[in-house]
Amino acid sequence: MDKRLVFCILIVFLKPSGAFPQPKCKDGLENTNGVCCSKCPAGKRQASPCTQHGEEGKCEECDDGTFIEHANVLHHCLKCTQCRPEDQEVVRQCTHTQDGECQCKAGGFCAPDQPCEVCRKCLRCKKDEVIVRNCTATSNTECKKGQLDASPASGNALWWLPVLVIGVLVAIGVLGCFVLKRRTATDSPMNPHDKQKAGNSDSDEDSGNERSSGEAQRLSCLGGMMPWRLEEEEEEFPELVAVNGEESLRKCFEYFGDVDFHLHRRFFRHLDVADNVIKSKDHLTYDDKIHELLTIWVEKAGRGATLNDLLRALLNLKQRRTAEIIKEEAIRNGHYVEAQGSP
């Protein structure tokens, strides 16, 4: 058989089978039907491939409701994630270059390491339990046995009773003092008109003494009716000392997953982290987002960054319980100790 005929037959049989190697494309190019084409930019799909090496095929904008996040040679855009209206809310709108993001509505959660087919209801602590960690969109409520917390979140249906009793006692005390003041003024042996007519300096002095006596009676009344302090100053928060410098600080990052989901933006603004930096981490799970932003804060603050700065930011946001939990975890795990002389 003629050699040229044999060669042609081999070409015909080998080409469909992929025996001939495909061209290896350079970085930034993609093999499309044996031609190295430039990729379409994010937000566009490849409607038709290129015909010459290094050229860009025909790229078309993704339709509304679809997206592609990276440069590509895909023929179809990806469908946007649709939030379930019954138990989810939109955190980020879908665009042509990024997918949308959903989270569970208040009262529900989905664990980040599990498929969120339906939001589970947040646990309510029992009457003999206290809240260790509030429910967020990505974590359930954590409870432990302990003294009842007189607040709505503790699940105690009678949380309002002591507040009502205190309010009634305060009202009675104020009313009693008001009545005592009127009676003291009425029983005074000399009214202001008589004193003016007398023109006696001794009388004026007596009047001043009577007013002082009346004021003392009112203060005594208030003190007797309210032996407690209505506005008790909070105990000063202790200063902590790192056992192993910055390494101790970074090992405490995981404890800040306890920060209320709805307060995390305000928390990082207290640390002078820019809003656009906070928003850039919205695609991460909540715990990863907290860790990334804390890492950015440490790199920005440098050697002056301490756990005390983070705890003070929580105290400024009225999150003392969360700060206490993080402090206890840091000490219990041997990352920090209380400074000598701290309260």
C-alpha atoms as a PDB file:
ATOM      1  CA  MET A   1       0.000   0.000   0.000  1.00  0.00           C
ATOM      2  CA  ASP A   2       1.225   3.475  -0.835  1.00  0.00           C
ATOM      3  CA  LYS A   3       2.858   5.193   2.204  1.00  0.00           C
ATOM      4  CA  ARG A   4       1.026   8.463   1.611  1.00  0.00           C
ATOM      5  CA  LEU A   5      -2.301   6.645   1.691  1.00  0.00           C
ATOM      6  CA  VAL A   6      -1.400   4.990   5.006  1.00  0.00           C
ATOM      7  CA  PHE A   7      -0.416   8.366   6.475  1.00  0.00           C
ATOM      8  CA  CYS A   8      -3.735   9.940   5.448  1.00  0.00           C
ATOM      9  CA  ILE A   9      -5.672   7.060   6.962  1.00  0.00           C
ATOM     10  CA  LEU A  10      -3.804   7.464  10.260  1.00  0.00           C
ATOM     11  CA  ILE A  11      -4.614  11.206  10.340  1.00  0.00           C
ATOM     12  CA  VAL A  12      -8.309  10.507   9.769  1.00  0.00           C
ATOM     13  CA  PHE A  13      -8.482   7.968  12.607  1.00  0.00           C
ATOM     14  CA  LEU A  14      -6.217   9.650  15.112  1.00  0.00           C
ATOM     15  CA  LYS A  15      -7.565  13.240  14.989  1.00  0.00           C
ATOM     16  CA  PRO A  16     -11.061  12.540  16.433  1.00  0.00           C
ATOM     17  CA  SER A  17      -9.622  10.340  19.148  1.00  0.00           C
ATOM     18  CA  GLY A  18      -7.538  13.227  20.585  1.00  0.00           C
ATOM     19  CA  ALA A  19      -4.238  11.545  19.890  1.00  0.00           C
ATOM     20  CA  PHE A  20      -2.786  14.860  18.704  1.00  0.00           C
ATOM     21  CA  PRO A  21      -1.985  17.129  21.681  1.00  0.00           C
ATOM     22  CA  GLN A  22      -3.994  20.331  22.103  1.00  0.00           C
ATOM     23  CA  PRO A  23      -2.013  23.584  22.063  1.00  0.00           C
ATOM     24  CA  LYS A  24      -0.884  24.807  25.482  1.00  0.00           C
ATOM     25  CA  CYS A  25      -2.152  28.336  26.013  1.00  0.00           C
ATOM     26  CA  LYS A  26      -0.269  31.116  27.798  1.00  0.00           C
ATOM     27  CA  ASP A  27      -1.517  32.722  30.989  1.00  0.00           C
ATOM     28  CA  GLY A  28      -4.699  34.697  30.426  1.00  0.00           C
ATOM     29  CA  LEU A  29      -5.717  32.612  27.377  1.00  0.00           C
ATOM     30  CA  GLU A  30      -8.077  29.661  27.239  1.00  0.00           C
ATOM     31  CA  ASN A  31      -8.128  26.721  24.801  1.00  0.00           C
ATOM     32  CA  THR A  32     -11.385  26.852  22.844  1.00  0.00           C
ATOM     33  CA  ASN A  33     -11.765  24.307  20.049  1.00  0.00           C
ATOM     34  CA  GLY A  34      -7.988  24.136  19.662  1.00  0.00           C
ATOM     35  CA  VAL A  35      -7.513  27.937  19.564  1.00  0.00           C
ATOM     36  CA  CYS A  36      -6.084  29.980  22.439  1.00  0.00           C
ATOM     37  CA  CYS A  37      -8.646  32.747  22.999  1.00  0.00           C
ATOM     38  CA  SER A  38      -8.609  35.726  25.348  1.00  0.00           C
ATOM     39  CA  LYS A  39     -11.150  35.369  28.151  1.00  0.00           C
ATOM     40  CA  CYS A  40     -14.264  37.496  28.405  1.00  0.00           C
ATOM     41  CA  PRO A  41     -14.243  39.846  31.432  1.00  0.00           C
ATOM     42  CA  ALA A  42     -16.329  39.209  34.559  1.00  0.00           C
ATOM     43  CA  GLY A  43     -20.005  39.928  33.960  1.00  0.00           C
ATOM     44  CA  LYS A  44     -19.855  38.736  30.313  1.00  0.00           C
ATOM     45  CA  ARG A  45     -20.098  35.337  28.608  1.00  0.00           C
ATOM     46  CA  GLN A  46     -18.509  34.048  25.404  1.00  0.00           C
ATOM     47  CA  ALA A  47     -21.268  34.040  22.798  1.00  0.00           C
ATOM     48  CA  SER A  48     -18.882  32.632  20.150  1.00  0.00           C
ATOM     49  CA  PRO A  49     -15.188  31.651  20.326  1.00  0.00           C
ATOM     50  CA  CYS A  50     -12.325  33.401  18.559  1.00  0.00           C
ATOM     51  CA  THR A  51     -10.829  32.088  15.322  1.00  0.00           C
ATOM     52  CA  GLN A  52      -7.268  33.358  15.765  1.00  0.00           C
ATOM     53  CA  HIS A  53      -4.811  32.754  18.608  1.00  0.00           C
ATOM     54  CA  GLY A  54      -4.784  35.574  21.176  1.00  0.00           C
ATOM     55  CA  GLU A  55      -8.008  37.176  19.981  1.00  0.00           C
ATOM     56  CA  GLU A  56     -11.115  37.621  22.061  1.00  0.00           C
ATOM     57  CA  GLY A  57     -14.276  35.834  21.026  1.00  0.00           C
ATOM     58  CA  LYS A  58     -17.619  37.562  20.923  1.00  0.00           C
ATOM     59  CA  CYS A  59     -18.479  38.541  24.511  1.00  0.00           C
ATOM     60  CA  GLU A  60     -22.003  39.476  25.616  1.00  0.00           C
ATOM     61  CA  GLU A  61     -23.263  40.996  28.880  1.00  0.00           C
ATOM     62  CA  CYS A  62     -24.977  38.584  31.273  1.00  0.00           C
ATOM     63  CA  ASP A  63     -28.763  38.884  31.375  1.00  0.00           C
ATOM     64  CA  ASP A  64     -30.462  40.263  34.495  1.00  0.00           C
ATOM     65  CA  GLY A  65     -30.679  37.568  37.152  1.00  0.00           C
ATOM     66  CA  THR A  66     -27.396  35.963  36.056  1.00  0.00           C
ATOM     67  CA  PHE A  67     -23.712  36.605  36.777  1.00  0.00           C
ATOM     68  CA  ILE A  68     -20.100  35.521  36.242  1.00  0.00           C
ATOM     69  CA  GLU A  69     -17.553  36.634  38.856  1.00  0.00           C
ATOM     70  CA  HIS A  70     -14.299  35.995  36.960  1.00  0.00           C
ATOM     71  CA  ALA A  71     -12.780  36.252  33.480  1.00  0.00           C
ATOM     72  CA  ASN A  72     -14.030  33.254  31.508  1.00  0.00           C
ATOM     73  CA  VAL A  73     -14.894  31.460  28.238  1.00  0.00           C
ATOM     74  CA  LEU A  74     -18.276  30.187  29.504  1.00  0.00           C
ATOM     75  CA  HIS A  75     -21.144  30.114  27.034  1.00  0.00           C
ATOM     76  CA  HIS A  76     -23.811  30.664  29.730  1.00  0.00           C
ATOM     77  CA  CYS A  77     -23.945  32.929  32.774  1.00  0.00           C
ATOM     78  CA  LEU A  78     -24.770  31.486  36.196  1.00  0.00           C
ATOM     79  CA  LYS A  79     -28.164  32.024  37.804  1.00  0.00           C
ATOM     80  CA  CYS A  80     -28.285  34.369  40.809  1.00  0.00           C
ATOM     81  CA  THR A  81     -29.104  32.950  44.238  1.00  0.00           C
ATOM     82  CA  GLN A  82     -32.742  33.620  45.131  1.00  0.00           C
ATOM     83  CA  CYS A  83     -33.565  34.368  48.773  1.00  0.00           C
ATOM     84  CA  ARG A  84     -36.550  32.550  50.246  1.00  0.00           C
ATOM     85  CA  PRO A  85     -39.110  35.239  51.195  1.00  0.00           C
ATOM     86  CA  GLU A  86     -40.590  33.153  54.007  1.00  0.00           C
ATOM     87  CA  ASP A  87     -37.426  32.875  56.142  1.00  0.00           C
ATOM     88  CA  GLN A  88     -34.569  34.784  54.463  1.00  0.00           C
ATOM     89  CA  GLU A  89     -33.646  38.386  53.745  1.00  0.00           C
ATOM     90  CA  VAL A  90     -31.296  39.898  51.162  1.00  0.00           C
ATOM     91  CA  VAL A  91     -27.866  40.886  52.476  1.00  0.00           C
ATOM     92  CA  ARG A  92     -26.333  41.690  49.088  1.00  0.00           C
ATOM     93  CA  GLN A  93     -28.059  42.218  45.733  1.00  0.00           C
ATOM     94  CA  CYS A  94     -26.944  40.114  42.765  1.00  0.00           C
ATOM     95  CA  THR A  95     -25.127  41.976  39.962  1.00  0.00           C
ATOM     96  CA  HIS A  96     -23.644  40.817  36.651  1.00  0.00           C
ATOM     97  CA  THR A  97     -20.254  40.353  38.363  1.00  0.00           C
ATOM     98  CA  GLN A  98     -21.196  38.842  41.740  1.00  0.00           C
ATOM     99  CA  ASP A  99     -23.858  36.580  43.181  1.00  0.00           C
ATOM    100  CA  GLY A 100     -26.427  37.793  45.684  1.00  0.00           C
ATOM    101  CA  GLU A 101     -26.229  36.844  49.357  1.00  0.00           C
ATOM    102  CA  CYS A 102     -28.991  35.841  51.745  1.00  0.00           C
ATOM    103  CA  GLN A 103     -29.222  35.344  55.481  1.00  0.00           C
ATOM    104  CA  CYS A 104     -31.864  34.055  57.849  1.00  0.00           C
ATOM    105  CA  LYS A 105     -34.345  36.570  59.215  1.00  0.00           C
ATOM    106  CA  ALA A 106     -34.269  37.459  62.922  1.00  0.00           C
ATOM    107  CA  GLY A 107     -35.267  34.444  64.995  1.00  0.00           C
ATOM    108  CA  GLY A 108     -33.723  31.907  62.615  1.00  0.00           C
ATOM    109  CA  PHE A 109     -30.259  30.615  61.707  1.00  0.00           C
ATOM    110  CA  CYS A 110     -28.314  28.308  59.384  1.00  0.00           C
ATOM    111  CA  ALA A 111     -24.954  26.751  60.266  1.00  0.00           C
ATOM    112  CA  PRO A 112     -22.352  27.942  57.705  1.00  0.00           C
ATOM    113  CA  ASP A 113     -20.962  24.414  57.199  1.00  0.00           C
ATOM    114  CA  GLN A 114     -24.363  22.960  56.260  1.00  0.00           C
ATOM    115  CA  PRO A 115     -26.681  23.529  53.264  1.00  0.00           C
ATOM    116  CA  CYS A 116     -29.285  26.126  54.207  1.00  0.00           C
ATOM    117  CA  GLU A 117     -32.392  24.438  52.851  1.00  0.00           C
ATOM    118  CA  VAL A 118     -34.502  26.042  55.587  1.00  0.00           C
ATOM    119  CA  CYS A 119     -33.686  28.370  58.488  1.00  0.00           C
ATOM    120  CA  ARG A 120     -33.965  26.686  61.870  1.00  0.00           C
ATOM    121  CA  LYS A 121     -35.673  28.495  64.737  1.00  0.00           C
ATOM    122  CA  CYS A 122     -33.393  29.955  67.410  1.00  0.00           C
ATOM    123  CA  LEU A 123     -33.375  28.146  70.749  1.00  0.00           C
ATOM    124  CA  ARG A 124     -35.039  29.857  73.712  1.00  0.00           C
ATOM    125  CA  CYS A 125     -33.331  29.326  77.049  1.00  0.00           C
ATOM    126  CA  LYS A 126     -35.340  27.654  79.802  1.00  0.00           C
ATOM    127  CA  LYS A 127     -36.361  29.432  82.995  1.00  0.00           C
ATOM    128  CA  ASP A 128     -33.413  28.006  84.937  1.00  0.00           C
ATOM    129  CA  GLU A 129     -30.881  28.913  82.213  1.00  0.00           C
ATOM    130  CA  VAL A 130     -29.062  32.063  81.132  1.00  0.00           C
ATOM    131  CA  ILE A 131     -27.893  33.104  77.659  1.00  0.00           C
ATOM    132  CA  VAL A 132     -24.201  32.546  76.984  1.00  0.00           C
ATOM    133  CA  ARG A 133     -24.362  33.551  73.319  1.00  0.00           C
ATOM    134  CA  ASN A 134     -27.203  35.242  71.434  1.00  0.00           C
ATOM    135  CA  CYS A 135     -28.614  33.660  68.299  1.00  0.00           C
ATOM    136  CA  THR A 136     -27.242  35.047  65.014  1.00  0.00           C
ATOM    137  CA  ALA A 137     -27.982  34.321  61.355  1.00  0.00           C
ATOM    138  CA  THR A 138     -25.241  31.659  61.391  1.00  0.00           C
ATOM    139  CA  SER A 139     -25.333  30.243  64.950  1.00  0.00           C
ATOM    140  CA  ASN A 140     -27.925  29.089  67.460  1.00  0.00           C
ATOM    141  CA  THR A 141     -28.501  30.454  70.957  1.00  0.00           C
ATOM    142  CA  GLU A 142     -26.242  28.969  73.623  1.00  0.00           C
ATOM    143  CA  CYS A 143     -27.626  28.512  77.143  1.00  0.00           C
ATOM    144  CA  LYS A 144     -26.268  27.247  80.447  1.00  0.00           C
ATOM    145  CA  LYS A 145     -27.702  26.494  83.848  1.00  0.00           C
ATOM    146  CA  GLY A 146     -27.564  29.486  86.130  1.00  0.00           C
ATOM    147  CA  GLN A 147     -29.369  32.361  87.830  1.00  0.00           C
ATOM    148  CA  LEU A 148     -32.277  33.822  85.919  1.00  0.00           C
ATOM    149  CA  ASP A 149     -31.532  36.989  84.005  1.00  0.00           C
ATOM    150  CA  ALA A 150     -34.246  39.583  84.594  1.00  0.00           C
ATOM    151  CA  SER A 151     -34.514  40.568  80.944  1.00  0.00           C
ATOM    152  CA  PRO A 152     -36.855  39.699  78.028  1.00  0.00           C
ATOM    153  CA  ALA A 153     -34.119  37.669  76.328  1.00  0.00           C
ATOM    154  CA  SER A 154     -33.818  35.250  79.257  1.00  0.00           C
ATOM    155  CA  GLY A 155     -37.199  33.748  78.553  1.00  0.00           C
ATOM    156  CA  ASN A 156     -38.489  34.734  81.999  1.00  0.00           C
ATOM    157  CA  ALA A 157     -42.082  35.792  81.470  1.00  0.00           C
ATOM    158  CA  LEU A 158     -42.107  37.829  84.712  1.00  0.00           C
ATOM    159  CA  TRP A 159     -39.024  39.918  83.977  1.00  0.00           C
ATOM    160  CA  TRP A 160     -41.100  43.085  84.262  1.00  0.00           C
ATOM    161  CA  LEU A 161     -42.356  42.388  87.837  1.00  0.00           C
ATOM    162  CA  PRO A 162     -39.358  43.751  89.813  1.00  0.00           C
ATOM    163  CA  VAL A 163     -39.229  46.778  87.502  1.00  0.00           C
ATOM    164  CA  LEU A 164     -42.897  47.479  88.230  1.00  0.00           C
ATOM    165  CA  VAL A 165     -42.389  47.122  92.015  1.00  0.00           C
ATOM    166  CA  ILE A 166     -39.416  49.519  91.994  1.00  0.00           C
ATOM    167  CA  GLY A 167     -41.369  52.025  89.911  1.00  0.00           C
ATOM    168  CA  VAL A 168     -44.335  51.951  92.341  1.00  0.00           C
ATOM    169  CA  LEU A 169     -42.071  52.406  95.390  1.00  0.00           C
ATOM    170  CA  VAL A 170     -40.255  55.333  93.764  1.00  0.00           C
ATOM    171  CA  ALA A 171     -43.585  56.994  92.920  1.00  0.00           C
ATOM    172  CA  ILE A 172     -44.802  56.553  96.507  1.00  0.00           C
ATOM    173  CA  GLY A 173     -41.576  58.032  97.862  1.00  0.00           C
ATOM    174  CA  VAL A 174     -41.708  61.082  95.595  1.00  0.00           C
ATOM    175  CA  LEU A 175     -45.380  61.685  96.420  1.00  0.00           C
ATOM    176  CA  GLY A 176     -44.705  61.374 100.152  1.00  0.00           C
ATOM    177  CA  CYS A 177     -41.871  63.900  99.963  1.00  0.00           C
ATOM    178  CA  PHE A 178     -44.069  66.315  98.014  1.00  0.00           C
ATOM    179  CA  VAL A 179     -46.784  66.105 100.689  1.00  0.00           C
ATOM    180  CA  LEU A 180     -44.176  66.628 103.423  1.00  0.00           C
ATOM    181  CA  LYS A 181     -42.865  69.719 101.648  1.00  0.00           C
ATOM    182  CA  ARG A 182     -46.351  71.258 101.399  1.00  0.00           C
ATOM    183  CA  ARG A 183     -47.068  70.503 105.054  1.00  0.00           C
ATOM    184  CA  THR A 184     -43.750  72.052 106.172  1.00  0.00           C
ATOM    185  CA  ALA A 185     -44.526  75.251 104.246  1.00  0.00           C
ATOM    186  CA  THR A 186     -48.077  75.442 105.663  1.00  0.00           C
ATOM    187  CA  ASP A 187     -47.016  74.872 109.272  1.00  0.00           C
ATOM    188  CA  SER A 188     -44.344  77.611 109.173  1.00  0.00           C
ATOM    189  CA  PRO A 189     -44.929  80.063 112.084  1.00  0.00           C
ATOM    190  CA  MET A 190     -44.277  83.138 109.953  1.00  0.00           C
ATOM    191  CA  ASN A 191     -45.178  83.516 106.265  1.00  0.00           C
ATOM    192  CA  PRO A 192     -43.077  85.717 103.902  1.00  0.00           C
ATOM    193  CA  HIS A 193     -45.550  88.657 104.095  1.00  0.00           C
ATOM    194  CA  ASP A 194     -45.295  88.890 107.897  1.00  0.00           C
ATOM    195  CA  LYS A 195     -41.501  88.683 107.712  1.00  0.00           C
ATOM    196  CA  GLN A 196     -41.351  91.609 105.287  1.00  0.00           C
ATOM    197  CA  LYS A 197     -43.486  93.731 107.590  1.00  0.00           C
ATOM    198  CA  ALA A 198     -41.382  92.913 110.634  1.00  0.00           C
ATOM    199  CA  GLY A 199     -38.096  93.789 108.876  1.00  0.00           C
ATOM    200  CA  ASN A 200     -36.273  91.796 111.507  1.00  0.00           C
ATOM    201  CA  SER A 201     -32.969  90.249 110.458  1.00  0.00           C
ATOM    202  CA  ASP A 202     -33.389  87.558 113.087  1.00  0.00           C
ATOM    203  CA  SER A 203     -36.624  86.529 111.421  1.00  0.00           C
ATOM    204  CA  ASP A 204     -34.847  86.275 108.054  1.00  0.00           C
ATOM    205  CA  GLU A 205     -32.238  84.044 109.624  1.00  0.00           C
ATOM    206  CA  ASP A 206     -34.956  81.880 111.163  1.00  0.00           C
ATOM    207  CA  SER A 207     -36.613  81.646 107.732  1.00  0.00           C
ATOM    208  CA  GLY A 208     -33.360  80.452 106.208  1.00  0.00           C
ATOM    209  CA  ASN A 209     -33.043  77.867 108.939  1.00  0.00           C
ATOM    210  CA  GLU A 210     -36.580  76.695 108.289  1.00  0.00           C
ATOM    211  CA  ARG A 211     -35.875  76.341 104.554  1.00  0.00           C
ATOM    212  CA  SER A 212     -32.694  74.402 105.324  1.00  0.00           C
ATOM    213  CA  SER A 213     -34.634  72.212 107.718  1.00  0.00           C
ATOM    214  CA  GLY A 214     -37.308  71.567 105.077  1.00  0.00           C
ATOM    215  CA  GLU A 215     -34.657  70.655 102.493  1.00  0.00           C
ATOM    216  CA  ALA A 216     -33.025  68.293 104.966  1.00  0.00           C
ATOM    217  CA  GLN A 217     -36.399  66.671 105.638  1.00  0.00           C
ATOM    218  CA  ARG A 218     -36.969  66.147 101.910  1.00  0.00           C
ATOM    219  CA  LEU A 219     -33.521  64.605 101.428  1.00  0.00           C
ATOM    220  CA  SER A 220     -34.058  62.447 104.487  1.00  0.00           C
ATOM    221  CA  CYS A 221     -37.416  61.379 103.070  1.00  0.00           C
ATOM    222  CA  LEU A 222     -35.943  60.406  99.725  1.00  0.00           C
ATOM    223  CA  GLY A 223     -33.103  58.564 101.419  1.00  0.00           C
ATOM    224  CA  GLY A 224     -35.517  56.659 103.643  1.00  0.00           C
ATOM    225  CA  MET A 225     -37.892  55.720 100.845  1.00  0.00           C
ATOM    226  CA  MET A 226     -35.100  54.627  98.479  1.00  0.00           C
ATOM    227  CA  PRO A 227     -32.350  52.896 100.453  1.00  0.00           C
ATOM    228  CA  TRP A 228     -30.948  51.387  97.241  1.00  0.00           C
ATOM    229  CA  ARG A 229     -29.016  53.164  94.469  1.00  0.00           C
ATOM    230  CA  LEU A 230     -31.054  53.430  91.292  1.00  0.00           C
ATOM    231  CA  GLU A 231     -28.006  54.049  89.096  1.00  0.00           C
ATOM    232  CA  GLU A 232     -25.190  51.912  90.357  1.00  0.00           C
ATOM    233  CA  GLU A 233     -21.827  52.463  88.738  1.00  0.00           C
ATOM    234  CA  GLU A 234     -20.511  49.465  86.825  1.00  0.00           C
ATOM    235  CA  GLU A 235     -17.441  47.739  88.181  1.00  0.00           C
ATOM    236  CA  GLU A 236     -14.271  48.859  86.424  1.00  0.00           C
ATOM    237  CA  PHE A 237     -13.140  46.411  83.747  1.00  0.00           C
ATOM    238  CA  PRO A 238      -9.713  44.823  84.435  1.00  0.00           C
ATOM    239  CA  GLU A 239      -6.678  45.345  82.218  1.00  0.00           C
ATOM    240  CA  LEU A 240      -5.190  42.206  80.650  1.00  0.00           C
ATOM    241  CA  VAL A 241      -1.566  41.368  79.877  1.00  0.00           C
ATOM    242  CA  ALA A 242      -0.643  39.095  76.952  1.00  0.00           C
ATOM    243  CA  VAL A 243       1.310  35.956  77.835  1.00  0.00           C
ATOM    244  CA  ASN A 244       2.925  35.733  74.395  1.00  0.00           C
ATOM    245  CA  GLY A 245       2.560  39.147  72.729  1.00  0.00           C
ATOM    246  CA  GLU A 246       0.761  39.416  69.388  1.00  0.00           C
ATOM    247  CA  GLU A 247       0.426  35.634  69.128  1.00  0.00           C
ATOM    248  CA  SER A 248      -1.811  35.657  72.223  1.00  0.00           C
ATOM    249  CA  LEU A 249      -3.943  38.408  70.657  1.00  0.00           C
ATOM    250  CA  ARG A 250      -4.414  36.484  67.390  1.00  0.00           C
ATOM    251  CA  LYS A 251      -5.367  33.303  69.233  1.00  0.00           C
ATOM    252  CA  CYS A 252      -8.249  35.218  70.831  1.00  0.00           C
ATOM    253  CA  PHE A 253      -9.789  36.161  67.463  1.00  0.00           C
ATOM    254  CA  GLU A 254     -12.018  33.077  67.499  1.00  0.00           C
ATOM    255  CA  TYR A 255     -13.781  34.296  70.663  1.00  0.00           C
ATOM    256  CA  PHE A 256     -15.125  37.371  68.838  1.00  0.00           C
ATOM    257  CA  GLY A 257     -17.640  35.230  66.980  1.00  0.00           C
ATOM    258  CA  ASP A 258     -19.758  36.016  70.075  1.00  0.00           C
ATOM    259  CA  VAL A 259     -20.140  39.638  68.913  1.00  0.00           C
ATOM    260  CA  ASP A 260     -23.774  40.320  67.986  1.00  0.00           C
ATOM    261  CA  PHE A 261     -24.194  40.015  64.208  1.00  0.00           C
ATOM    262  CA  HIS A 262     -26.176  43.267  64.086  1.00  0.00           C
ATOM    263  CA  LEU A 263     -23.393  45.201  65.878  1.00  0.00           C
ATOM    264  CA  HIS A 264     -20.294  43.956  64.043  1.00  0.00           C
ATOM    265  CA  ARG A 265     -20.165  46.967  61.679  1.00  0.00           C
ATOM    266  CA  ARG A 266     -20.314  49.461  64.569  1.00  0.00           C
ATOM    267  CA  PHE A 267     -17.722  47.373  66.435  1.00  0.00           C
ATOM    268  CA  PHE A 268     -15.175  47.632  63.601  1.00  0.00           C
ATOM    269  CA  ARG A 269     -15.960  51.323  63.036  1.00  0.00           C
ATOM    270  CA  HIS A 270     -14.910  51.818  66.697  1.00  0.00           C
ATOM    271  CA  LEU A 271     -11.616  50.237  65.674  1.00  0.00           C
ATOM    272  CA  ASP A 272     -11.254  52.689  62.733  1.00  0.00           C
ATOM    273  CA  VAL A 273     -11.735  50.007  60.076  1.00  0.00           C
ATOM    274  CA  ALA A 274     -13.155  51.674  56.933  1.00  0.00           C
ATOM    275  CA  ASP A 275     -16.695  50.806  55.801  1.00  0.00           C
ATOM    276  CA  ASN A 276     -15.543  49.693  52.359  1.00  0.00           C
ATOM    277  CA  VAL A 277     -13.079  47.267  53.974  1.00  0.00           C
ATOM    278  CA  ILE A 278     -15.849  45.857  56.190  1.00  0.00           C
ATOM    279  CA  LYS A 279     -18.140  45.467  53.180  1.00  0.00           C
ATOM    280  CA  SER A 280     -15.416  43.741  51.142  1.00  0.00           C
ATOM    281  CA  LYS A 281     -15.593  40.767  53.531  1.00  0.00           C
ATOM    282  CA  ASP A 282     -19.386  40.322  53.316  1.00  0.00           C
ATOM    283  CA  HIS A 283     -18.997  37.234  51.100  1.00  0.00           C
ATOM    284  CA  LEU A 284     -17.312  35.284  53.936  1.00  0.00           C
ATOM    285  CA  THR A 285     -19.024  33.353  56.705  1.00  0.00           C
ATOM    286  CA  TYR A 286     -19.542  35.402  59.853  1.00  0.00           C
ATOM    287  CA  ASP A 287     -16.671  33.823  61.841  1.00  0.00           C
ATOM    288  CA  ASP A 288     -14.252  34.100  58.888  1.00  0.00           C
ATOM    289  CA  LYS A 289     -15.314  37.702  58.322  1.00  0.00           C
ATOM    290  CA  ILE A 290     -14.619  38.613  61.962  1.00  0.00           C
ATOM    291  CA  HIS A 291     -11.205  36.896  61.796  1.00  0.00           C
ATOM    292  CA  GLU A 292     -10.229  38.657  58.534  1.00  0.00           C
ATOM    293  CA  LEU A 293     -11.252  42.110  59.787  1.00  0.00           C
ATOM    294  CA  LEU A 294      -9.447  41.631  63.106  1.00  0.00           C
ATOM    295  CA  THR A 295      -6.325  40.625  61.165  1.00  0.00           C
ATOM    296  CA  ILE A 296      -6.610  43.813  59.086  1.00  0.00           C
ATOM    297  CA  TRP A 297      -7.024  45.852  62.285  1.00  0.00           C
ATOM    298  CA  VAL A 298      -3.907  44.323  63.879  1.00  0.00           C
ATOM    299  CA  GLU A 299      -1.823  45.011  60.779  1.00  0.00           C
ATOM    300  CA  LYS A 300      -3.057  48.611  60.757  1.00  0.00           C
ATOM    301  CA  ALA A 301      -2.626  49.235  64.507  1.00  0.00           C
ATOM    302  CA  GLY A 302       0.791  47.561  64.613  1.00  0.00           C
ATOM    303  CA  ARG A 303       2.536  46.769  67.877  1.00  0.00           C
ATOM    304  CA  GLY A 304       0.122  48.971  69.830  1.00  0.00           C
ATOM    305  CA  ALA A 305      -2.797  46.584  69.222  1.00  0.00           C
ATOM    306  CA  THR A 306      -4.021  44.836  72.379  1.00  0.00           C
ATOM    307  CA  LEU A 307      -6.990  42.761  73.470  1.00  0.00           C
ATOM    308  CA  ASN A 308      -7.883  45.606  75.853  1.00  0.00           C
ATOM    309  CA  ASP A 309      -8.647  47.839  72.824  1.00  0.00           C
ATOM    310  CA  LEU A 310     -11.148  45.280  71.503  1.00  0.00           C
ATOM    311  CA  LEU A 311     -12.806  44.822  74.882  1.00  0.00           C
ATOM    312  CA  ARG A 312     -13.122  48.608  75.349  1.00  0.00           C
ATOM    313  CA  ALA A 313     -14.858  48.828  71.952  1.00  0.00           C
ATOM    314  CA  LEU A 314     -17.403  46.254  73.164  1.00  0.00           C
ATOM    315  CA  LEU A 315     -17.927  48.149  76.428  1.00  0.00           C
ATOM    316  CA  ASN A 316     -18.569  51.362  74.467  1.00  0.00           C
ATOM    317  CA  LEU A 317     -21.303  49.468  72.576  1.00  0.00           C
ATOM    318  CA  LYS A 318     -22.871  48.360  75.901  1.00  0.00           C
ATOM    319  CA  GLN A 319     -21.795  44.747  75.264  1.00  0.00           C
ATOM    320  CA  ARG A 320     -20.263  44.119  78.695  1.00  0.00           C
ATOM    321  CA  ARG A 321     -21.488  40.514  78.877  1.00  0.00           C
ATOM    322  CA  THR A 322     -19.775  39.650  75.587  1.00  0.00           C
ATOM    323  CA  ALA A 323     -16.602  41.377  76.782  1.00  0.00           C
ATOM    324  CA  GLU A 324     -16.721  39.380  80.036  1.00  0.00           C
ATOM    325  CA  ILE A 325     -17.096  36.077  78.129  1.00  0.00           C
ATOM    326  CA  ILE A 326     -14.137  36.875  75.834  1.00  0.00           C
ATOM    327  CA  LYS A 327     -11.994  37.969  78.799  1.00  0.00           C
ATOM    328  CA  GLU A 328     -12.752  34.740  80.683  1.00  0.00           C
ATOM    329  CA  GLU A 329     -11.963  32.611  77.613  1.00  0.00           C
ATOM    330  CA  ALA A 330      -8.646  34.417  77.073  1.00  0.00           C
ATOM    331  CA  ILE A 331      -7.619  33.870  80.701  1.00  0.00           C
ATOM    332  CA  ARG A 332      -8.923  30.295  80.918  1.00  0.00           C
ATOM    333  CA  ASN A 333      -6.961  29.233  77.820  1.00  0.00           C
ATOM    334  CA  GLY A 334      -3.752  30.807  79.111  1.00  0.00           C
ATOM    335  CA  HIS A 335      -3.430  33.581  76.510  1.00  0.00           C
ATOM    336  CA  TYR A 336      -3.809  36.495  78.967  1.00  0.00           C
ATOM    337  CA  VAL A 337      -3.594  37.259  82.691  1.00  0.00           C
ATOM    338  CA  GLU A 338      -5.011  40.149  84.676  1.00  0.00           C
ATOM    339  CA  ALA A 339      -2.578  43.001  85.260  1.00  0.00           C
ATOM    340  CA  GLN A 340      -1.392  43.462  88.819  1.00  0.00           C
ATOM    341  CA  GLY A 341      -3.429  46.095  90.604  1.00  0.00           C
ATOM    342  CA  SER A 342      -6.450  45.657  88.282  1.00  0.00           C
ATOM    343  CA  PRO A 343      -9.825  45.735  90.042  1.00  0.00           C
END
